[in-house]
Amino acid sequence: NVTEIVDSVKGRFTISRDNAKNTGYLQMNSLKPED
């Protein structure tokens, strides 16, 4: 469950996966124009 997240999005983006669905996700909150 170890993640690595770049500082510019840390605290706003979350990475996850659901192996049963063969799917990875990137949840992006508090989006900024520079994203």
PDB file of all heavy atoms in Angstrom:
ATOM      1  N   ASN A   1       0.818  -1.208   0.000  1.00  0.00           N
ATOM      2  CA  ASN A   1       0.000   0.000   0.000  1.00  0.00           C
ATOM      3  C   ASN A   1       0.853   1.259   0.000  1.00  0.00           C
ATOM      4  O   ASN A   1       0.344   2.350   0.289  1.00  0.00           O
ATOM      5  CB  ASN A   1      -0.950   0.007   1.191  1.00  0.00           C
ATOM      6  CG  ASN A   1      -0.230   0.037   2.531  1.00  0.00           C
ATOM      7  OD1 ASN A   1       0.985  -0.095   2.600  1.00  0.00           O
ATOM      8  ND2 ASN A   1      -0.981   0.207   3.605  1.00  0.00           N
ATOM      9  N   VAL A   2       2.129   1.132  -0.325  1.00  0.00           N
ATOM     10  CA  VAL A   2       3.034   2.263  -0.347  1.00  0.00           C
ATOM     11  C   VAL A   2       2.797   3.076  -1.610  1.00  0.00           C
ATOM     12  O   VAL A   2       2.742   2.529  -2.714  1.00  0.00           O
ATOM     13  CB  VAL A   2       4.494   1.803  -0.275  1.00  0.00           C
ATOM     14  CG1 VAL A   2       5.440   2.992  -0.398  1.00  0.00           C
ATOM     15  CG2 VAL A   2       4.743   1.056   1.020  1.00  0.00           C
ATOM     16  N   THR A   3       2.646   4.366  -1.433  1.00  0.00           N
ATOM     17  CA  THR A   3       2.440   5.265  -2.557  1.00  0.00           C
ATOM     18  C   THR A   3       3.559   6.288  -2.628  1.00  0.00           C
ATOM     19  O   THR A   3       4.239   6.570  -1.643  1.00  0.00           O
ATOM     20  CB  THR A   3       1.097   6.003  -2.463  1.00  0.00           C
ATOM     21  OG1 THR A   3       1.086   6.823  -1.286  1.00  0.00           O
ATOM     22  CG2 THR A   3      -0.060   5.019  -2.397  1.00  0.00           C
ATOM     23  N   GLU A   4       3.742   6.840  -3.795  1.00  0.00           N
ATOM     24  CA  GLU A   4       4.637   7.959  -4.013  1.00  0.00           C
ATOM     25  C   GLU A   4       3.857   9.005  -4.791  1.00  0.00           C
ATOM     26  O   GLU A   4       3.320   8.705  -5.853  1.00  0.00           O
ATOM     27  CB  GLU A   4       5.883   7.531  -4.780  1.00  0.00           C
ATOM     28  CG  GLU A   4       6.886   8.648  -4.999  1.00  0.00           C
ATOM     29  CD  GLU A   4       8.109   8.198  -5.768  1.00  0.00           C
ATOM     30  OE1 GLU A   4       8.228   6.992  -6.050  1.00  0.00           O
ATOM     31  OE2 GLU A   4       8.956   9.056  -6.088  1.00  0.00           O
ATOM     32  N   ILE A   5       3.793  10.220  -4.257  1.00  0.00           N
ATOM     33  CA  ILE A   5       3.003  11.289  -4.855  1.00  0.00           C
ATOM     34  C   ILE A   5       3.855  12.540  -4.925  1.00  0.00           C
ATOM     35  O   ILE A   5       4.493  12.927  -3.939  1.00  0.00           O
ATOM     36  CB  ILE A   5       1.722  11.561  -4.045  1.00  0.00           C
ATOM     37  CG1 ILE A   5       0.888  10.282  -3.900  1.00  0.00           C
ATOM     38  CG2 ILE A   5       0.901  12.655  -4.693  1.00  0.00           C
ATOM     39  CD1 ILE A   5      -0.340  10.444  -3.049  1.00  0.00           C
ATOM     40  N   VAL A   6       3.853  13.177  -6.075  1.00  0.00           N
ATOM     41  CA  VAL A   6       4.658  14.370  -6.262  1.00  0.00           C
ATOM     42  C   VAL A   6       4.151  15.490  -5.348  1.00  0.00           C
ATOM     43  O   VAL A   6       2.951  15.594  -5.061  1.00  0.00           O
ATOM     44  CB  VAL A   6       4.641  14.798  -7.745  1.00  0.00           C
ATOM     45  CG1 VAL A   6       3.275  15.336  -8.138  1.00  0.00           C
ATOM     46  CG2 VAL A   6       5.726  15.810  -8.045  1.00  0.00           C
ATOM     47  N   ASP A   7       5.081  16.315  -4.862  1.00  0.00           N
ATOM     48  CA  ASP A   7       4.740  17.328  -3.872  1.00  0.00           C
ATOM     49  C   ASP A   7       3.665  18.300  -4.352  1.00  0.00           C
ATOM     50  O   ASP A   7       2.843  18.760  -3.549  1.00  0.00           O
ATOM     51  CB  ASP A   7       5.990  18.109  -3.471  1.00  0.00           C
ATOM     52  CG  ASP A   7       6.930  17.309  -2.595  1.00  0.00           C
ATOM     53  OD1 ASP A   7       6.492  16.288  -2.029  1.00  0.00           O
ATOM     54  OD2 ASP A   7       8.100  17.713  -2.470  1.00  0.00           O
ATOM     55  N   SER A   8       3.658  18.619  -5.628  1.00  0.00           N
ATOM     56  CA  SER A   8       2.737  19.618  -6.131  1.00  0.00           C
ATOM     57  C   SER A   8       1.272  19.191  -6.054  1.00  0.00           C
ATOM     58  O   SER A   8       0.381  20.043  -6.111  1.00  0.00           O
ATOM     59  CB  SER A   8       3.091  19.988  -7.575  1.00  0.00           C
ATOM     60  OG  SER A   8       2.999  18.863  -8.427  1.00  0.00           O
ATOM     61  N   VAL A   9       1.012  17.894  -5.929  1.00  0.00           N
ATOM     62  CA  VAL A   9      -0.365  17.411  -5.832  1.00  0.00           C
ATOM     63  C   VAL A   9      -0.636  16.679  -4.533  1.00  0.00           C
ATOM     64  O   VAL A   9      -1.779  16.255  -4.294  1.00  0.00           O
ATOM     65  CB  VAL A   9      -0.736  16.507  -7.027  1.00  0.00           C
ATOM     66  CG1 VAL A   9      -0.470  17.222  -8.342  1.00  0.00           C
ATOM     67  CG2 VAL A   9       0.018  15.184  -6.970  1.00  0.00           C
ATOM     68  N   LYS A  10       0.364  16.530  -3.683  1.00  0.00           N
ATOM     69  CA  LYS A  10       0.197  15.810  -2.425  1.00  0.00           C
ATOM     70  C   LYS A  10      -0.872  16.486  -1.571  1.00  0.00           C
ATOM     71  O   LYS A  10      -0.889  17.704  -1.420  1.00  0.00           O
ATOM     72  CB  LYS A  10       1.524  15.753  -1.681  1.00  0.00           C
ATOM     73  CG  LYS A  10       1.542  14.804  -0.486  1.00  0.00           C
ATOM     74  CD  LYS A  10       2.945  14.687   0.088  1.00  0.00           C
ATOM     75  CE  LYS A  10       3.905  14.081  -0.922  1.00  0.00           C
ATOM     76  NZ  LYS A  10       5.278  13.929  -0.363  1.00  0.00           N
ATOM     77  N   GLY A  11      -1.759  15.675  -1.018  1.00  0.00           N
ATOM     78  CA  GLY A  11      -2.869  16.194  -0.242  1.00  0.00           C
ATOM     79  C   GLY A  11      -4.099  16.490  -1.061  1.00  0.00           C
ATOM     80  O   GLY A  11      -5.183  16.686  -0.491  1.00  0.00           O
ATOM     81  N   ARG A  12      -3.964  16.529  -2.380  1.00  0.00           N
ATOM     82  CA  ARG A  12      -5.096  16.784  -3.269  1.00  0.00           C
ATOM     83  C   ARG A  12      -5.438  15.571  -4.137  1.00  0.00           C
ATOM     84  O   ARG A  12      -6.608  15.341  -4.440  1.00  0.00           O
ATOM     85  CB  ARG A  12      -4.812  17.983  -4.170  1.00  0.00           C
ATOM     86  CG  ARG A  12      -4.562  19.281  -3.406  1.00  0.00           C
ATOM     87  CD  ARG A  12      -4.476  20.481  -4.348  1.00  0.00           C
ATOM     88  NE  ARG A  12      -3.332  20.379  -5.250  1.00  0.00           N
ATOM     89  CZ  ARG A  12      -3.418  20.313  -6.580  1.00  0.00           C
ATOM     90  NH1 ARG A  12      -4.616  20.343  -7.170  1.00  0.00           N
ATOM     91  NH2 ARG A  12      -2.321  20.246  -7.326  1.00  0.00           N
ATOM     92  N   PHE A  13      -4.420  14.817  -4.542  1.00  0.00           N
ATOM     93  CA  PHE A  13      -4.620  13.649  -5.403  1.00  0.00           C
ATOM     94  C   PHE A  13      -4.421  12.373  -4.593  1.00  0.00           C
ATOM     95  O   PHE A  13      -3.574  12.318  -3.695  1.00  0.00           O
ATOM     96  CB  PHE A  13      -3.616  13.642  -6.557  1.00  0.00           C
ATOM     97  CG  PHE A  13      -3.817  14.703  -7.603  1.00  0.00           C
ATOM     98  CD1 PHE A  13      -4.676  15.772  -7.405  1.00  0.00           C
ATOM     99  CD2 PHE A  13      -3.130  14.617  -8.807  1.00  0.00           C
ATOM    100  CE1 PHE A  13      -4.848  16.748  -8.368  1.00  0.00           C
ATOM    101  CE2 PHE A  13      -3.295  15.582  -9.777  1.00  0.00           C
ATOM    102  CZ  PHE A  13      -4.151  16.655  -9.564  1.00  0.00           C
ATOM    103  N   THR A  14      -5.172  11.346  -4.954  1.00  0.00           N
ATOM    104  CA  THR A  14      -5.055  10.042  -4.325  1.00  0.00           C
ATOM    105  C   THR A  14      -5.016   8.966  -5.400  1.00  0.00           C
ATOM    106  O   THR A  14      -5.856   8.957  -6.300  1.00  0.00           O
ATOM    107  CB  THR A  14      -6.231   9.762  -3.374  1.00  0.00           C
ATOM    108  OG1 THR A  14      -6.299  10.782  -2.374  1.00  0.00           O
ATOM    109  CG2 THR A  14      -6.056   8.404  -2.694  1.00  0.00           C
ATOM    110  N   ILE A  15      -4.050   8.061  -5.298  1.00  0.00           N
ATOM    111  CA  ILE A  15      -3.948   6.959  -6.234  1.00  0.00           C
ATOM    112  C   ILE A  15      -4.488   5.692  -5.570  1.00  0.00           C
ATOM    113  O   ILE A  15      -4.264   5.458  -4.379  1.00  0.00           O
ATOM    114  CB  ILE A  15      -2.496   6.769  -6.711  1.00  0.00           C
ATOM    115  CG1 ILE A  15      -2.423   5.710  -7.815  1.00  0.00           C
ATOM    116  CG2 ILE A  15      -1.564   6.435  -5.557  1.00  0.00           C
ATOM    117  CD1 ILE A  15      -1.070   5.648  -8.500  1.00  0.00           C
ATOM    118  N   SER A  16      -5.209   4.885  -6.334  1.00  0.00           N
ATOM    119  CA  SER A  16      -5.776   3.655  -5.809  1.00  0.00           C
ATOM    120  C   SER A  16      -5.952   2.661  -6.946  1.00  0.00           C
ATOM    121  O   SER A  16      -5.750   2.991  -8.122  1.00  0.00           O
ATOM    122  CB  SER A  16      -7.108   3.916  -5.098  1.00  0.00           C
ATOM    123  OG  SER A  16      -8.075   4.419  -6.001  1.00  0.00           O
ATOM    124  N   ARG A  17      -6.336   1.441  -6.578  1.00  0.00           N
ATOM    125  CA  ARG A  17      -6.585   0.423  -7.585  1.00  0.00           C
ATOM    126  C   ARG A  17      -7.616  -0.560  -7.073  1.00  0.00           C
ATOM    127  O   ARG A  17      -7.763  -0.767  -5.866  1.00  0.00           O
ATOM    128  CB  ARG A  17      -5.291  -0.305  -7.971  1.00  0.00           C
ATOM    129  CG  ARG A  17      -4.677  -1.131  -6.844  1.00  0.00           C
ATOM    130  CD  ARG A  17      -3.250  -1.560  -7.179  1.00  0.00           C
ATOM    131  NE  ARG A  17      -3.204  -2.377  -8.382  1.00  0.00           N
ATOM    132  CZ  ARG A  17      -2.104  -2.591  -9.104  1.00  0.00           C
ATOM    133  NH1 ARG A  17      -0.952  -2.024  -8.740  1.00  0.00           N
ATOM    134  NH2 ARG A  17      -2.165  -3.359 -10.182  1.00  0.00           N
ATOM    135  N   ASP A  18      -8.327  -1.184  -7.998  1.00  0.00           N
ATOM    136  CA  ASP A  18      -9.268  -2.247  -7.702  1.00  0.00           C
ATOM    137  C   ASP A  18      -8.909  -3.399  -8.623  1.00  0.00           C
ATOM    138  O   ASP A  18      -9.296  -3.418  -9.797  1.00  0.00           O
ATOM    139  CB  ASP A  18     -10.703  -1.781  -7.920  1.00  0.00           C
ATOM    140  CG  ASP A  18     -11.726  -2.809  -7.476  1.00  0.00           C
ATOM    141  OD1 ASP A  18     -11.388  -3.997  -7.346  1.00  0.00           O
ATOM    142  OD2 ASP A  18     -12.893  -2.417  -7.260  1.00  0.00           O
ATOM    143  N   ASN A  19      -8.152  -4.351  -8.092  1.00  0.00           N
ATOM    144  CA  ASN A  19      -7.668  -5.448  -8.927  1.00  0.00           C
ATOM    145  C   ASN A  19      -8.806  -6.321  -9.450  1.00  0.00           C
ATOM    146  O   ASN A  19      -8.689  -6.908 -10.527  1.00  0.00           O
ATOM    147  CB  ASN A  19      -6.662  -6.295  -8.156  1.00  0.00           C
ATOM    148  CG  ASN A  19      -5.333  -5.594  -7.970  1.00  0.00           C
ATOM    149  OD1 ASN A  19      -4.966  -4.708  -8.736  1.00  0.00           O
ATOM    150  ND2 ASN A  19      -4.597  -5.991  -6.943  1.00  0.00           N
ATOM    151  N   ALA A  20      -9.892  -6.431  -8.692  1.00  0.00           N
ATOM    152  CA  ALA A  20     -11.030  -7.215  -9.143  1.00  0.00           C
ATOM    153  C   ALA A  20     -11.651  -6.631 -10.402  1.00  0.00           C
ATOM    154  O   ALA A  20     -12.263  -7.358 -11.188  1.00  0.00           O
ATOM    155  CB  ALA A  20     -12.079  -7.319  -8.039  1.00  0.00           C
ATOM    156  N   LYS A  21     -11.500  -5.322 -10.586  1.00  0.00           N
ATOM    157  CA  LYS A  21     -12.020  -4.651 -11.774  1.00  0.00           C
ATOM    158  C   LYS A  21     -10.938  -4.342 -12.795  1.00  0.00           C
ATOM    159  O   LYS A  21     -11.225  -3.707 -13.813  1.00  0.00           O
ATOM    160  CB  LYS A  21     -12.730  -3.365 -11.379  1.00  0.00           C
ATOM    161  CG  LYS A  21     -13.944  -3.575 -10.493  1.00  0.00           C
ATOM    162  CD  LYS A  21     -14.604  -2.255 -10.149  1.00  0.00           C
ATOM    163  CE  LYS A  21     -15.840  -2.472  -9.293  1.00  0.00           C
ATOM    164  NZ  LYS A  21     -16.492  -1.186  -8.934  1.00  0.00           N
ATOM    165  N   ASN A  22      -9.706  -4.766 -12.526  1.00  0.00           N
ATOM    166  CA  ASN A  22      -8.569  -4.491 -13.410  1.00  0.00           C
ATOM    167  C   ASN A  22      -8.437  -3.000 -13.708  1.00  0.00           C
ATOM    168  O   ASN A  22      -8.132  -2.600 -14.841  1.00  0.00           O
ATOM    169  CB  ASN A  22      -8.696  -5.273 -14.721  1.00  0.00           C
ATOM    170  CG  ASN A  22      -8.516  -6.763 -14.538  1.00  0.00           C
ATOM    171  OD1 ASN A  22      -7.831  -7.220 -13.627  1.00  0.00           O
ATOM    172  ND2 ASN A  22      -9.134  -7.540 -15.425  1.00  0.00           N
ATOM    173  N   THR A  23      -8.643  -2.189 -12.696  1.00  0.00           N
ATOM    174  CA  THR A  23      -8.703  -0.749 -12.892  1.00  0.00           C
ATOM    175  C   THR A  23      -7.892  -0.001 -11.851  1.00  0.00           C
ATOM    176  O   THR A  23      -7.950  -0.310 -10.661  1.00  0.00           O
ATOM    177  CB  THR A  23     -10.157  -0.264 -12.851  1.00  0.00           C
ATOM    178  OG1 THR A  23     -10.904  -0.914 -13.895  1.00  0.00           O
ATOM    179  CG2 THR A  23     -10.240   1.234 -13.060  1.00  0.00           C
ATOM    180  N   GLY A  24      -7.142   0.989 -12.307  1.00  0.00           N
ATOM    181  CA  GLY A  24      -6.473   1.941 -11.448  1.00  0.00           C
ATOM    182  C   GLY A  24      -7.167   3.284 -11.527  1.00  0.00           C
ATOM    183  O   GLY A  24      -7.806   3.612 -12.532  1.00  0.00           O
ATOM    184  N   TYR A  25      -7.024   4.068 -10.466  1.00  0.00           N
ATOM    185  CA  TYR A  25      -7.718   5.347 -10.372  1.00  0.00           C
ATOM    186  C   TYR A  25      -6.756   6.441  -9.921  1.00  0.00           C
ATOM    187  O   TYR A  25      -5.801   6.199  -9.188  1.00  0.00           O
ATOM    188  CB  TYR A  25      -8.861   5.289  -9.361  1.00  0.00           C
ATOM    189  CG  TYR A  25      -9.889   4.227  -9.640  1.00  0.00           C
ATOM    190  CD1 TYR A  25      -9.830   2.997  -8.998  1.00  0.00           C
ATOM    191  CD2 TYR A  25     -10.923   4.455 -10.538  1.00  0.00           C
ATOM    192  CE1 TYR A  25     -10.770   2.016  -9.244  1.00  0.00           C
ATOM    193  CE2 TYR A  25     -11.867   3.477 -10.794  1.00  0.00           C
ATOM    194  CZ  TYR A  25     -11.794   2.261 -10.146  1.00  0.00           C
ATOM    195  OH  TYR A  25     -12.739   1.298 -10.397  1.00  0.00           O
ATOM    196  N   LEU A  26      -7.046   7.652 -10.356  1.00  0.00           N
ATOM    197  CA  LEU A  26      -6.424   8.838  -9.815  1.00  0.00           C
ATOM    198  C   LEU A  26      -7.537   9.807  -9.445  1.00  0.00           C
ATOM    199  O   LEU A  26      -8.169  10.388 -10.333  1.00  0.00           O
ATOM    200  CB  LEU A  26      -5.454   9.480 -10.804  1.00  0.00           C
ATOM    201  CG  LEU A  26      -4.670  10.676 -10.264  1.00  0.00           C
ATOM    202  CD1 LEU A  26      -3.680  10.223  -9.188  1.00  0.00           C
ATOM    203  CD2 LEU A  26      -3.937  11.401 -11.389  1.00  0.00           C
ATOM    204  N   GLN A  27      -7.792   9.950  -8.153  1.00  0.00           N
ATOM    205  CA  GLN A  27      -8.784  10.896  -7.663  1.00  0.00           C
ATOM    206  C   GLN A  27      -8.116  12.251  -7.503  1.00  0.00           C
ATOM    207  O   GLN A  27      -7.135  12.377  -6.765  1.00  0.00           O
ATOM    208  CB  GLN A  27      -9.361  10.431  -6.329  1.00  0.00           C
ATOM    209  CG  GLN A  27     -10.376  11.385  -5.716  1.00  0.00           C
ATOM    210  CD  GLN A  27     -11.648  11.472  -6.516  1.00  0.00           C
ATOM    211  OE1 GLN A  27     -12.201  10.456  -6.910  1.00  0.00           O
ATOM    212  NE2 GLN A  27     -12.119  12.695  -6.770  1.00  0.00           N
ATOM    213  N   MET A  28      -8.643  13.257  -8.172  1.00  0.00           N
ATOM    214  CA  MET A  28      -8.057  14.588  -8.184  1.00  0.00           C
ATOM    215  C   MET A  28      -9.057  15.566  -7.587  1.00  0.00           C
ATOM    216  O   MET A  28     -10.129  15.791  -8.150  1.00  0.00           O
ATOM    217  CB  MET A  28      -7.675  15.003  -9.603  1.00  0.00           C
ATOM    218  CG  MET A  28      -6.776  13.997 -10.317  1.00  0.00           C
ATOM    219  SD  MET A  28      -6.224  14.581 -11.938  1.00  0.00           S
ATOM    220  CE  MET A  28      -7.810  14.665 -12.788  1.00  0.00           C
ATOM    221  N   ASN A  29      -8.695  16.136  -6.448  1.00  0.00           N
ATOM    222  CA  ASN A  29      -9.531  17.109  -5.760  1.00  0.00           C
ATOM    223  C   ASN A  29      -8.834  18.464  -5.728  1.00  0.00           C
ATOM    224  O   ASN A  29      -7.629  18.567  -5.927  1.00  0.00           O
ATOM    225  CB  ASN A  29      -9.827  16.652  -4.331  1.00  0.00           C
ATOM    226  CG  ASN A  29     -10.576  15.345  -4.264  1.00  0.00           C
ATOM    227  OD1 ASN A  29     -11.424  15.050  -5.113  1.00  0.00           O
ATOM    228  ND2 ASN A  29     -10.283  14.549  -3.233  1.00  0.00           N
ATOM    229  N   SER A  30      -9.611  19.496  -5.454  1.00  0.00           N
ATOM    230  CA  SER A  30      -9.080  20.861  -5.347  1.00  0.00           C
ATOM    231  C   SER A  30      -8.212  21.215  -6.538  1.00  0.00           C
ATOM    232  O   SER A  30      -7.101  21.740  -6.398  1.00  0.00           O
ATOM    233  CB  SER A  30      -8.297  21.016  -4.040  1.00  0.00           C
ATOM    234  OG  SER A  30      -9.112  20.744  -2.920  1.00  0.00           O
ATOM    235  N   LEU A  31      -8.721  20.949  -7.710  1.00  0.00           N
ATOM    236  CA  LEU A  31      -7.938  21.132  -8.928  1.00  0.00           C
ATOM    237  C   LEU A  31      -7.602  22.600  -9.166  1.00  0.00           C
ATOM    238  O   LEU A  31      -8.411  23.492  -8.883  1.00  0.00           O
ATOM    239  CB  LEU A  31      -8.678  20.558 -10.122  1.00  0.00           C
ATOM    240  CG  LEU A  31      -8.616  19.027 -10.222  1.00  0.00           C
ATOM    241  CD1 LEU A  31      -9.713  18.503 -11.129  1.00  0.00           C
ATOM    242  CD2 LEU A  31      -7.244  18.593 -10.730  1.00  0.00           C
ATOM    243  N   LYS A  32      -6.405  22.813  -9.697  1.00  0.00           N
ATOM    244  CA  LYS A  32      -5.886  24.137  -9.988  1.00  0.00           C
ATOM    245  C   LYS A  32      -5.616  24.259 -11.482  1.00  0.00           C
ATOM    246  O   LYS A  32      -5.391  23.259 -12.155  1.00  0.00           O
ATOM    247  CB  LYS A  32      -4.591  24.390  -9.219  1.00  0.00           C
ATOM    248  CG  LYS A  32      -4.706  24.234  -7.709  1.00  0.00           C
ATOM    249  CD  LYS A  32      -3.349  24.382  -7.044  1.00  0.00           C
ATOM    250  CE  LYS A  32      -3.447  24.226  -5.548  1.00  0.00           C
ATOM    251  NZ  LYS A  32      -2.114  24.356  -4.895  1.00  0.00           N
ATOM    252  N   PRO A  33      -5.605  25.482 -12.017  1.00  0.00           N
ATOM    253  CA  PRO A  33      -5.295  25.639 -13.442  1.00  0.00           C
ATOM    254  C   PRO A  33      -3.967  25.011 -13.838  1.00  0.00           C
ATOM    255  O   PRO A  33      -3.853  24.496 -14.956  1.00  0.00           O
ATOM    256  CB  PRO A  33      -5.265  27.164 -13.618  1.00  0.00           C
ATOM    257  CG  PRO A  33      -6.221  27.666 -12.593  1.00  0.00           C
ATOM    258  CD  PRO A  33      -6.030  26.753 -11.405  1.00  0.00           C
ATOM    259  N   GLU A  34      -2.981  25.022 -12.960  1.00  0.00           N
ATOM    260  CA  GLU A  34      -1.691  24.428 -13.270  1.00  0.00           C
ATOM    261  C   GLU A  34      -1.727  22.905 -13.341  1.00  0.00           C
ATOM    262  O   GLU A  34      -0.739  22.284 -13.738  1.00  0.00           O
ATOM    263  CB  GLU A  34      -0.622  24.881 -12.267  1.00  0.00           C
ATOM    264  CG  GLU A  34      -1.012  24.683 -10.816  1.00  0.00           C
ATOM    265  CD  GLU A  34      -1.569  25.950 -10.181  1.00  0.00           C
ATOM    266  OE1 GLU A  34      -2.386  26.637 -10.844  1.00  0.00           O
ATOM    267  OE2 GLU A  34      -1.191  26.253  -9.037  1.00  0.00           O
ATOM    268  N   ASP A  35      -2.844  22.289 -12.972  1.00  0.00           N
ATOM    269  CA  ASP A  35      -3.015  20.853 -13.145  1.00  0.00           C
ATOM    270  C   ASP A  35      -3.414  20.492 -14.571  1.00  0.00           C
ATOM    271  O   ASP A  35      -3.480  19.301 -14.901  1.00  0.00           O
ATOM    272  CB  ASP A  35      -4.066  20.305 -12.184  1.00  0.00           C
ATOM    273  CG  ASP A  35      -3.661  20.431 -10.728  1.00  0.00           C
ATOM    274  OD1 ASP A  35      -2.482  20.180 -10.411  1.00  0.00           O
ATOM    275  OD2 ASP A  35      -4.540  20.767  -9.907  1.00  0.00           O
TER     276      ASP A  35
END
